[in-house]
């Protein structure tokens, strides 16, 4: 009995001595506003973003297309500080002007995809609906499909890729709005 007690105590003391890795929390980094202060509109943008239930969490999602294409996975030690829809909205609001119109954005895909173990890309698909105001009908709809290869095939590569891709998405939405 005493040997069992000693073995248990040794296991407990060694378990306390190990340090578990902390979860790293990510956002898209510092957003650089590219408009001059005198040009910035005083009109507050009205942007709403919805997403499927599987994206309404802090997971950095990835998919191994080469091994399990129907299985969506989540990095264990790397998380977003907020759900992707919230991060994307913040990026849009701080990176540019979106006119006096109301935008309703439907986030469809926001994941890292691996074609091979060392080859990954980030994918961002969304649909933008443009309204004149809350009471007005739909003016226009546009689907956006963006992707880019990641520098590294890991969570850090996904975070850096999404930081760049969301900036690119904001620019493309602004360009589209100029035509409406």
N, C-alpha and C. Protein backbone atom coordinates (compact mmCIF):
# COMPACT_ATOMS: atom_id res chain seq x y z
N UNK A 1 0.82 -1.19 0.00
CA UNK A 1 0.00 0.00 0.00
C UNK A 1 0.86 1.25 0.00
N UNK A 2 1.93 1.24 0.78
CA UNK A 2 2.79 2.42 0.84
C UNK A 2 3.50 2.65 -0.48
N UNK A 3 3.83 1.56 -1.22
CA UNK A 3 4.46 1.72 -2.53
C UNK A 3 3.49 2.39 -3.51
N UNK A 4 2.24 1.98 -3.42
CA UNK A 4 1.22 2.59 -4.28
C UNK A 4 1.08 4.07 -3.97
N UNK A 5 1.07 4.42 -2.69
CA UNK A 5 0.96 5.82 -2.26
C UNK A 5 2.16 6.62 -2.74
N UNK A 6 3.36 6.04 -2.64
CA UNK A 6 4.57 6.73 -3.09
C UNK A 6 4.52 6.93 -4.61
N UNK A 7 4.08 5.90 -5.34
CA UNK A 7 3.99 6.02 -6.80
C UNK A 7 3.01 7.11 -7.20
N UNK A 8 1.87 7.18 -6.51
CA UNK A 8 0.88 8.21 -6.80
C UNK A 8 1.45 9.59 -6.50
N UNK A 9 2.13 9.74 -5.40
CA UNK A 9 2.73 11.04 -5.04
C UNK A 9 3.79 11.46 -6.06
N UNK A 10 4.58 10.51 -6.53
CA UNK A 10 5.59 10.83 -7.54
C UNK A 10 4.93 11.29 -8.83
N UNK A 11 3.87 10.59 -9.24
CA UNK A 11 3.17 10.98 -10.47
C UNK A 11 2.55 12.36 -10.31
N UNK A 12 1.95 12.63 -9.16
CA UNK A 12 1.33 13.94 -8.95
C UNK A 12 2.36 15.05 -8.93
N UNK A 13 3.49 14.83 -8.30
CA UNK A 13 4.51 15.87 -8.24
C UNK A 13 5.13 16.11 -9.61
N UNK A 14 5.30 15.06 -10.40
CA UNK A 14 5.85 15.26 -11.75
C UNK A 14 4.84 15.95 -12.66
N UNK A 15 3.56 15.69 -12.47
CA UNK A 15 2.52 16.35 -13.27
C UNK A 15 2.48 17.83 -12.97
N UNK A 16 2.69 18.22 -11.73
CA UNK A 16 2.68 19.64 -11.37
C UNK A 16 3.90 20.35 -11.91
N UNK A 17 4.98 19.62 -12.12
CA UNK A 17 6.21 20.22 -12.60
C UNK A 17 6.20 20.51 -14.08
N UNK A 18 5.34 19.88 -14.84
CA UNK A 18 5.30 20.14 -16.28
C UNK A 18 4.47 21.39 -16.55
N UNK A 19 4.88 22.11 -17.54
CA UNK A 19 4.13 23.31 -17.88
C UNK A 19 3.34 23.04 -19.16
N UNK A 20 2.07 23.28 -19.08
CA UNK A 20 1.21 23.13 -20.25
C UNK A 20 1.41 24.35 -21.15
N UNK A 21 1.34 24.13 -22.46
CA UNK A 21 1.47 25.26 -23.38
C UNK A 21 0.22 26.12 -23.29
N UNK A 22 0.43 27.41 -23.31
CA UNK A 22 -0.69 28.34 -23.30
C UNK A 22 -1.27 28.47 -24.69
N UNK A 23 -2.56 28.71 -24.73
CA UNK A 23 -3.22 28.95 -26.00
C UNK A 23 -2.87 30.36 -26.46
N UNK A 24 -2.45 30.49 -27.70
CA UNK A 24 -2.14 31.79 -28.28
C UNK A 24 -3.42 32.37 -28.88
N UNK A 25 -3.72 33.62 -28.56
CA UNK A 25 -4.90 34.30 -29.07
C UNK A 25 -4.48 35.26 -30.18
N UNK A 26 -5.16 35.19 -31.31
CA UNK A 26 -4.77 35.97 -32.49
C UNK A 26 -5.89 36.89 -32.96
N UNK A 27 -5.47 38.01 -33.56
CA UNK A 27 -6.36 38.85 -34.34
C UNK A 27 -5.65 39.12 -35.65
N UNK A 28 -6.04 40.15 -36.39
CA UNK A 28 -5.41 40.42 -37.68
C UNK A 28 -4.26 41.42 -37.57
N UNK A 29 -3.89 41.79 -36.36
CA UNK A 29 -2.79 42.73 -36.17
C UNK A 29 -3.29 44.16 -36.22
N UNK A 30 -2.35 45.07 -36.22
CA UNK A 30 -2.67 46.49 -36.24
C UNK A 30 -3.11 46.87 -37.64
N UNK A 31 -4.25 47.53 -37.73
CA UNK A 31 -4.79 47.96 -39.02
C UNK A 31 -4.27 49.36 -39.32
N UNK A 32 -3.70 49.53 -40.48
CA UNK A 32 -3.22 50.83 -40.92
C UNK A 32 -4.33 51.49 -41.72
N UNK A 33 -4.80 52.64 -41.25
CA UNK A 33 -5.84 53.37 -41.98
C UNK A 33 -5.17 54.12 -43.10
N UNK A 34 -5.65 53.90 -44.33
CA UNK A 34 -4.99 54.46 -45.51
C UNK A 34 -5.62 55.74 -46.01
N UNK A 35 -6.69 56.19 -45.38
CA UNK A 35 -7.31 57.44 -45.83
C UNK A 35 -6.76 58.59 -45.00
N UNK A 36 -6.64 59.73 -45.63
CA UNK A 36 -6.17 60.93 -44.92
C UNK A 36 -7.26 61.40 -43.96
N UNK A 37 -6.88 61.96 -42.81
CA UNK A 37 -7.88 62.38 -41.83
C UNK A 37 -8.90 63.36 -42.38
N UNK A 38 -8.50 64.27 -43.28
CA UNK A 38 -9.44 65.25 -43.81
C UNK A 38 -10.45 64.63 -44.76
N UNK A 39 -10.17 63.43 -45.29
CA UNK A 39 -11.07 62.78 -46.23
C UNK A 39 -12.04 61.86 -45.51
N UNK A 40 -11.70 61.44 -44.31
CA UNK A 40 -12.51 60.48 -43.57
C UNK A 40 -13.91 61.00 -43.34
N UNK A 41 -14.88 60.20 -43.69
CA UNK A 41 -16.28 60.57 -43.55
C UNK A 41 -16.73 60.50 -42.09
N UNK A 42 -17.65 61.38 -41.72
CA UNK A 42 -18.20 61.35 -40.37
C UNK A 42 -19.39 60.39 -40.29
N UNK A 43 -19.78 59.84 -41.44
CA UNK A 43 -20.89 58.90 -41.46
C UNK A 43 -20.40 57.56 -40.96
N UNK A 44 -21.07 57.05 -39.95
CA UNK A 44 -20.69 55.75 -39.41
C UNK A 44 -21.22 54.66 -40.32
N UNK A 45 -20.34 53.75 -40.68
CA UNK A 45 -20.74 52.65 -41.57
C UNK A 45 -21.69 51.72 -40.84
N UNK A 46 -22.68 51.24 -41.55
CA UNK A 46 -23.64 50.28 -41.01
C UNK A 46 -23.36 48.94 -41.68
N UNK A 47 -22.59 48.11 -41.00
CA UNK A 47 -22.20 46.82 -41.54
C UNK A 47 -22.65 45.73 -40.57
N UNK A 48 -23.38 44.77 -41.09
CA UNK A 48 -23.71 43.60 -40.28
C UNK A 48 -23.12 42.37 -40.98
N UNK A 49 -22.61 41.46 -40.18
CA UNK A 49 -22.01 40.24 -40.73
C UNK A 49 -22.61 39.04 -40.00
N UNK A 50 -23.12 38.11 -40.79
CA UNK A 50 -23.57 36.86 -40.19
C UNK A 50 -22.73 35.72 -40.76
N UNK A 51 -22.74 34.62 -40.05
CA UNK A 51 -21.95 33.46 -40.47
C UNK A 51 -22.67 32.19 -40.05
N UNK A 52 -22.29 31.07 -40.65
CA UNK A 52 -22.88 29.80 -40.22
C UNK A 52 -22.49 29.49 -38.78
N UNK A 53 -23.26 28.65 -38.15
CA UNK A 53 -23.03 28.31 -36.73
C UNK A 53 -21.63 27.76 -36.50
N UNK A 54 -21.10 27.01 -37.45
CA UNK A 54 -19.78 26.41 -37.24
C UNK A 54 -18.67 27.44 -37.22
N UNK A 55 -18.93 28.66 -37.68
CA UNK A 55 -17.93 29.73 -37.63
C UNK A 55 -18.13 30.68 -36.45
N UNK A 56 -19.14 30.45 -35.65
CA UNK A 56 -19.45 31.35 -34.54
C UNK A 56 -18.69 30.95 -33.28
N UNK A 57 -17.37 30.80 -33.41
CA UNK A 57 -16.53 30.45 -32.27
C UNK A 57 -15.14 31.01 -32.51
N UNK A 58 -14.20 30.69 -31.63
CA UNK A 58 -12.85 31.24 -31.73
C UNK A 58 -11.85 30.32 -32.43
N UNK A 59 -12.31 29.25 -33.03
CA UNK A 59 -11.42 28.29 -33.69
C UNK A 59 -10.78 28.86 -34.94
N UNK A 60 -9.52 28.53 -35.15
CA UNK A 60 -8.88 28.75 -36.43
C UNK A 60 -9.06 27.42 -37.16
N UNK A 61 -9.98 27.41 -38.09
CA UNK A 61 -10.36 26.17 -38.78
C UNK A 61 -9.41 25.83 -39.91
N UNK A 62 -9.21 24.54 -40.08
CA UNK A 62 -8.44 24.05 -41.22
C UNK A 62 -9.01 22.73 -41.71
N UNK A 63 -8.66 22.41 -42.95
CA UNK A 63 -9.17 21.20 -43.60
C UNK A 63 -8.02 20.53 -44.36
N UNK A 64 -7.84 19.24 -44.15
CA UNK A 64 -6.82 18.47 -44.86
C UNK A 64 -7.45 17.86 -46.11
N UNK A 65 -7.44 18.61 -47.21
CA UNK A 65 -8.07 18.15 -48.44
C UNK A 65 -7.45 16.86 -48.96
N UNK A 66 -6.17 16.67 -48.71
CA UNK A 66 -5.48 15.49 -49.21
C UNK A 66 -5.76 14.23 -48.39
N UNK A 67 -6.25 14.36 -47.17
CA UNK A 67 -6.45 13.20 -46.31
C UNK A 67 -7.90 13.02 -45.85
N UNK A 68 -8.54 14.11 -45.47
CA UNK A 68 -9.91 14.04 -44.95
C UNK A 68 -10.67 15.29 -45.39
N UNK A 69 -11.06 15.38 -46.65
CA UNK A 69 -11.64 16.61 -47.18
C UNK A 69 -12.97 17.03 -46.57
N UNK A 70 -13.67 16.12 -45.93
CA UNK A 70 -14.95 16.48 -45.31
C UNK A 70 -14.84 16.78 -43.83
N UNK A 71 -13.63 16.70 -43.30
CA UNK A 71 -13.43 16.92 -41.86
C UNK A 71 -12.86 18.31 -41.60
N UNK A 72 -13.61 19.12 -40.89
CA UNK A 72 -13.16 20.45 -40.50
C UNK A 72 -12.51 20.35 -39.13
N UNK A 73 -11.30 20.84 -39.01
CA UNK A 73 -10.55 20.74 -37.76
C UNK A 73 -10.27 22.12 -37.20
N UNK A 74 -9.84 22.12 -35.95
CA UNK A 74 -9.55 23.37 -35.24
C UNK A 74 -8.19 23.24 -34.56
N UNK A 75 -7.34 24.24 -34.73
CA UNK A 75 -6.05 24.23 -34.03
C UNK A 75 -6.28 24.24 -32.53
N UNK A 76 -5.52 23.44 -31.79
CA UNK A 76 -5.69 23.35 -30.33
C UNK A 76 -5.04 24.49 -29.57
N UNK A 77 -3.87 24.92 -30.00
CA UNK A 77 -3.11 25.91 -29.23
C UNK A 77 -3.13 27.30 -29.84
N UNK A 78 -3.93 27.50 -30.87
CA UNK A 78 -4.07 28.81 -31.50
C UNK A 78 -5.55 29.07 -31.72
N UNK A 79 -6.01 30.22 -31.26
CA UNK A 79 -7.43 30.60 -31.35
C UNK A 79 -7.52 32.06 -31.79
N UNK A 80 -8.68 32.42 -32.35
CA UNK A 80 -8.98 33.83 -32.61
C UNK A 80 -9.42 34.47 -31.30
N UNK A 81 -9.23 35.77 -31.15
CA UNK A 81 -9.70 36.45 -29.94
C UNK A 81 -11.21 36.65 -29.96
N UNK A 82 -11.81 36.50 -31.13
CA UNK A 82 -13.26 36.62 -31.32
C UNK A 82 -13.63 35.79 -32.54
N UNK A 83 -14.90 35.50 -32.74
CA UNK A 83 -15.29 34.76 -33.95
C UNK A 83 -14.86 35.51 -35.22
N UNK A 84 -14.56 34.79 -36.29
CA UNK A 84 -14.11 35.43 -37.53
C UNK A 84 -15.02 36.54 -38.03
N UNK A 85 -16.33 36.40 -37.90
CA UNK A 85 -17.24 37.46 -38.37
C UNK A 85 -16.98 38.77 -37.64
N UNK A 86 -16.74 38.71 -36.34
CA UNK A 86 -16.45 39.93 -35.57
C UNK A 86 -15.11 40.54 -35.98
N UNK A 87 -14.11 39.69 -36.17
CA UNK A 87 -12.79 40.19 -36.58
C UNK A 87 -12.86 40.82 -37.97
N UNK A 88 -13.59 40.19 -38.87
CA UNK A 88 -13.75 40.70 -40.23
C UNK A 88 -14.47 42.05 -40.21
N UNK A 89 -15.52 42.15 -39.42
CA UNK A 89 -16.25 43.42 -39.31
C UNK A 89 -15.34 44.52 -38.78
N UNK A 90 -14.58 44.22 -37.75
CA UNK A 90 -13.66 45.21 -37.18
C UNK A 90 -12.65 45.66 -38.24
N UNK A 91 -12.14 44.71 -39.01
CA UNK A 91 -11.19 45.03 -40.07
C UNK A 91 -11.82 45.97 -41.10
N UNK A 92 -13.05 45.68 -41.50
CA UNK A 92 -13.73 46.52 -42.48
C UNK A 92 -13.98 47.92 -41.94
N UNK A 93 -14.43 48.02 -40.69
CA UNK A 93 -14.76 49.32 -40.11
C UNK A 93 -13.53 50.20 -39.93
N UNK A 94 -12.39 49.60 -39.64
CA UNK A 94 -11.19 50.41 -39.37
C UNK A 94 -10.32 50.63 -40.59
N UNK A 95 -10.59 49.92 -41.67
CA UNK A 95 -9.69 50.03 -42.82
C UNK A 95 -10.22 50.89 -43.95
N UNK A 96 -11.42 51.38 -43.86
CA UNK A 96 -11.89 52.19 -44.99
C UNK A 96 -13.26 52.78 -44.79
N UNK A 97 -13.71 53.46 -45.82
CA UNK A 97 -15.03 54.08 -45.83
C UNK A 97 -15.99 53.19 -46.59
N UNK A 98 -17.18 53.06 -46.09
CA UNK A 98 -18.16 52.21 -46.75
C UNK A 98 -19.46 52.95 -47.00
N UNK A 99 -19.37 54.23 -47.20
CA UNK A 99 -20.49 55.08 -47.62
C UNK A 99 -21.63 55.12 -46.63
N UNK A 100 -22.68 55.77 -47.07
CA UNK A 100 -23.86 55.93 -46.21
C UNK A 100 -24.82 54.75 -46.34
N UNK A 101 -24.51 53.81 -47.19
CA UNK A 101 -25.37 52.65 -47.38
C UNK A 101 -25.18 51.62 -46.27
N UNK A 102 -26.13 50.73 -46.21
CA UNK A 102 -26.05 49.62 -45.24
C UNK A 102 -25.57 48.38 -45.97
N UNK A 103 -24.60 47.70 -45.35
CA UNK A 103 -24.06 46.46 -45.91
C UNK A 103 -24.45 45.30 -45.02
N UNK A 104 -24.95 44.27 -45.65
CA UNK A 104 -25.21 43.01 -44.95
C UNK A 104 -24.30 41.97 -45.59
N UNK A 105 -23.39 41.42 -44.78
CA UNK A 105 -22.40 40.49 -45.30
C UNK A 105 -22.68 39.10 -44.74
N UNK A 106 -22.67 38.14 -45.64
CA UNK A 106 -22.89 36.74 -45.26
C UNK A 106 -21.56 36.01 -45.45
N UNK A 107 -20.90 35.72 -44.34
CA UNK A 107 -19.63 35.02 -44.37
C UNK A 107 -19.89 33.54 -44.61
N UNK A 108 -19.32 32.98 -45.67
CA UNK A 108 -19.60 31.59 -46.04
C UNK A 108 -18.45 30.64 -45.70
N UNK A 109 -17.23 31.03 -46.00
CA UNK A 109 -16.04 30.21 -45.72
C UNK A 109 -14.95 31.07 -45.14
N UNK A 110 -14.28 30.54 -44.14
CA UNK A 110 -13.17 31.23 -43.50
C UNK A 110 -12.30 30.13 -42.90
N UNK A 111 -11.48 29.51 -43.76
CA UNK A 111 -10.71 28.36 -43.30
C UNK A 111 -9.39 28.24 -44.05
N UNK A 112 -8.48 27.52 -43.44
CA UNK A 112 -7.22 27.19 -44.08
C UNK A 112 -7.40 25.80 -44.70
N UNK A 113 -6.95 25.65 -45.94
CA UNK A 113 -7.08 24.36 -46.62
C UNK A 113 -5.70 23.86 -47.03
N UNK A 114 -5.45 22.59 -46.74
CA UNK A 114 -4.19 21.95 -47.08
C UNK A 114 -4.39 21.03 -48.28
N UNK A 115 -3.68 21.32 -49.38
CA UNK A 115 -3.67 20.43 -50.54
C UNK A 115 -2.68 19.29 -50.32
N UNK A 116 -1.65 19.57 -49.52
CA UNK A 116 -0.62 18.60 -49.13
C UNK A 116 -0.15 19.02 -47.74
N UNK A 117 0.61 18.16 -47.10
CA UNK A 117 1.04 18.45 -45.72
C UNK A 117 1.77 19.78 -45.58
N UNK A 118 2.55 20.17 -46.57
CA UNK A 118 3.31 21.42 -46.50
C UNK A 118 2.83 22.50 -47.48
N UNK A 119 1.61 22.35 -47.99
CA UNK A 119 1.08 23.34 -48.92
C UNK A 119 -0.35 23.70 -48.50
N UNK A 120 -0.51 24.95 -48.01
CA UNK A 120 -1.81 25.40 -47.52
C UNK A 120 -2.17 26.75 -48.12
N UNK A 121 -3.45 27.04 -48.06
CA UNK A 121 -3.96 28.35 -48.48
C UNK A 121 -5.10 28.73 -47.55
N UNK A 122 -5.38 30.02 -47.47
CA UNK A 122 -6.54 30.48 -46.72
C UNK A 122 -7.63 30.84 -47.71
N UNK A 123 -8.87 30.57 -47.33
CA UNK A 123 -10.01 30.77 -48.20
C UNK A 123 -11.03 31.64 -47.48
N UNK A 124 -11.49 32.67 -48.16
CA UNK A 124 -12.49 33.59 -47.62
C UNK A 124 -13.55 33.80 -48.70
N UNK A 125 -14.76 33.33 -48.41
CA UNK A 125 -15.89 33.51 -49.33
C UNK A 125 -17.02 34.22 -48.58
N UNK A 126 -17.58 35.24 -49.20
CA UNK A 126 -18.68 35.97 -48.57
C UNK A 126 -19.53 36.66 -49.64
N UNK A 127 -20.74 37.00 -49.25
CA UNK A 127 -21.67 37.70 -50.14
C UNK A 127 -22.03 39.02 -49.46
N UNK A 128 -22.00 40.11 -50.24
CA UNK A 128 -22.35 41.43 -49.72
C UNK A 128 -23.67 41.86 -50.36
N UNK A 129 -24.59 42.28 -49.51
CA UNK A 129 -25.85 42.88 -49.97
C UNK A 129 -25.79 44.36 -49.62
N UNK A 130 -26.14 45.20 -50.58
CA UNK A 130 -26.09 46.65 -50.42
C UNK A 130 -27.51 47.20 -50.34
N UNK A 131 -27.78 47.95 -49.28
CA UNK A 131 -29.08 48.59 -49.07
C UNK A 131 -28.85 50.09 -48.92
N UNK A 132 -29.82 50.90 -49.38
CA UNK A 132 -29.71 52.34 -49.23
C UNK A 132 -29.89 52.76 -47.78
N UNK A 133 -30.82 52.14 -47.10
CA UNK A 133 -31.05 52.40 -45.68
C UNK A 133 -31.84 51.24 -45.11
N UNK A 134 -32.18 51.30 -43.84
CA UNK A 134 -32.92 50.20 -43.21
C UNK A 134 -34.26 49.94 -43.89
N UNK A 135 -34.90 50.99 -44.40
CA UNK A 135 -36.24 50.83 -44.96
C UNK A 135 -36.24 50.58 -46.46
N UNK A 136 -35.08 50.71 -47.08
CA UNK A 136 -35.02 50.61 -48.54
C UNK A 136 -34.82 49.16 -48.99
N UNK A 137 -35.20 48.89 -50.24
CA UNK A 137 -34.99 47.54 -50.78
C UNK A 137 -33.51 47.28 -51.10
N UNK A 138 -33.24 46.07 -51.40
CA UNK A 138 -31.90 45.64 -51.80
C UNK A 138 -31.50 46.34 -53.09
N UNK A 139 -30.31 46.96 -53.10
CA UNK A 139 -29.82 47.66 -54.29
C UNK A 139 -28.93 46.78 -55.16
N UNK A 140 -28.08 45.97 -54.52
CA UNK A 140 -27.15 45.13 -55.28
C UNK A 140 -26.60 44.02 -54.39
N UNK A 141 -26.15 42.97 -55.04
CA UNK A 141 -25.53 41.84 -54.34
C UNK A 141 -24.27 41.45 -55.10
N UNK A 142 -23.24 41.09 -54.35
CA UNK A 142 -21.98 40.66 -54.97
C UNK A 142 -21.35 39.56 -54.14
N UNK A 143 -20.94 38.48 -54.80
CA UNK A 143 -20.21 37.40 -54.14
C UNK A 143 -18.71 37.64 -54.31
N UNK A 144 -17.96 37.39 -53.26
CA UNK A 144 -16.51 37.54 -53.28
C UNK A 144 -15.89 36.20 -52.90
N UNK A 145 -14.92 35.76 -53.71
CA UNK A 145 -14.21 34.50 -53.47
C UNK A 145 -12.72 34.82 -53.48
N UNK A 146 -12.10 34.79 -52.30
CA UNK A 146 -10.69 35.13 -52.21
C UNK A 146 -9.93 33.96 -51.60
N UNK A 147 -8.70 33.78 -52.05
CA UNK A 147 -7.82 32.79 -51.46
C UNK A 147 -6.39 33.17 -51.76
N UNK A 148 -5.49 32.70 -50.92
CA UNK A 148 -4.07 32.91 -51.16
C UNK A 148 -3.29 31.84 -50.42
N UNK A 149 -2.15 31.48 -50.98
CA UNK A 149 -1.27 30.51 -50.34
C UNK A 149 -0.70 31.12 -49.06
N UNK A 150 -0.48 30.27 -48.07
CA UNK A 150 0.13 30.74 -46.82
C UNK A 150 1.64 30.56 -46.91
N UNK A 151 2.36 31.42 -46.22
CA UNK A 151 3.82 31.34 -46.22
C UNK A 151 4.27 30.06 -45.50
N UNK A 152 3.59 29.74 -44.40
CA UNK A 152 3.88 28.50 -43.67
C UNK A 152 2.59 27.70 -43.56
N UNK A 153 2.73 26.39 -43.51
CA UNK A 153 1.56 25.51 -43.45
C UNK A 153 1.25 25.16 -42.00
N UNK A 154 0.84 26.19 -41.24
CA UNK A 154 0.51 26.01 -39.83
C UNK A 154 -0.42 27.15 -39.40
N UNK A 155 -0.71 27.22 -38.10
CA UNK A 155 -1.62 28.24 -37.59
C UNK A 155 -1.08 29.65 -37.83
N UNK A 156 0.21 29.85 -37.64
CA UNK A 156 0.79 31.18 -37.87
C UNK A 156 0.63 31.60 -39.33
N UNK A 157 0.79 30.65 -40.23
CA UNK A 157 0.57 30.95 -41.64
C UNK A 157 -0.88 31.32 -41.92
N UNK A 158 -1.81 30.63 -41.25
CA UNK A 158 -3.23 30.93 -41.42
C UNK A 158 -3.54 32.34 -40.92
N UNK A 159 -3.04 32.69 -39.76
CA UNK A 159 -3.30 34.02 -39.18
C UNK A 159 -2.76 35.11 -40.09
N UNK A 160 -1.51 34.96 -40.53
CA UNK A 160 -0.92 35.96 -41.42
C UNK A 160 -1.68 36.03 -42.74
N UNK A 161 -2.07 34.88 -43.26
CA UNK A 161 -2.81 34.85 -44.51
C UNK A 161 -4.16 35.54 -44.39
N UNK A 162 -4.88 35.28 -43.30
CA UNK A 162 -6.18 35.93 -43.12
C UNK A 162 -6.04 37.43 -42.86
N UNK A 163 -4.98 37.85 -42.19
CA UNK A 163 -4.75 39.28 -41.99
C UNK A 163 -4.65 39.98 -43.35
N UNK A 164 -3.90 39.39 -44.26
CA UNK A 164 -3.75 39.98 -45.59
C UNK A 164 -5.03 39.84 -46.41
N UNK A 165 -5.65 38.67 -46.35
CA UNK A 165 -6.83 38.41 -47.17
C UNK A 165 -8.02 39.30 -46.76
N UNK A 166 -8.19 39.56 -45.47
CA UNK A 166 -9.30 40.43 -45.05
C UNK A 166 -9.05 41.88 -45.46
N UNK A 167 -7.79 42.31 -45.48
CA UNK A 167 -7.49 43.64 -46.00
C UNK A 167 -7.82 43.71 -47.49
N UNK A 168 -7.44 42.69 -48.21
CA UNK A 168 -7.75 42.61 -49.64
C UNK A 168 -9.26 42.60 -49.86
N UNK A 169 -9.99 41.88 -49.02
CA UNK A 169 -11.45 41.83 -49.13
C UNK A 169 -12.05 43.21 -48.92
N UNK A 170 -11.58 43.92 -47.91
CA UNK A 170 -12.07 45.28 -47.67
C UNK A 170 -11.84 46.19 -48.86
N UNK A 171 -10.67 46.08 -49.46
CA UNK A 171 -10.36 46.88 -50.65
C UNK A 171 -11.29 46.52 -51.81
N UNK A 172 -11.54 45.23 -52.02
CA UNK A 172 -12.41 44.81 -53.12
C UNK A 172 -13.86 45.26 -52.89
N UNK A 173 -14.31 45.22 -51.64
CA UNK A 173 -15.67 45.70 -51.34
C UNK A 173 -15.76 47.20 -51.61
N UNK A 174 -14.74 47.95 -51.20
CA UNK A 174 -14.74 49.40 -51.46
C UNK A 174 -14.78 49.67 -52.96
N UNK A 175 -13.99 48.94 -53.74
CA UNK A 175 -13.98 49.13 -55.20
C UNK A 175 -15.35 48.82 -55.80
N UNK A 176 -15.99 47.76 -55.31
CA UNK A 176 -17.32 47.40 -55.80
C UNK A 176 -18.33 48.49 -55.46
N UNK A 177 -18.23 49.05 -54.25
CA UNK A 177 -19.16 50.10 -53.84
C UNK A 177 -19.05 51.35 -54.70
N UNK A 178 -17.87 51.61 -55.23
CA UNK A 178 -17.69 52.78 -56.09
C UNK A 178 -18.51 52.69 -57.37
N UNK A 179 -18.91 51.49 -57.74
CA UNK A 179 -19.70 51.31 -58.96
C UNK A 179 -21.21 51.34 -58.68
N UNK A 180 -21.57 51.51 -57.42
CA UNK A 180 -23.00 51.51 -57.05
C UNK A 180 -23.40 52.77 -56.31
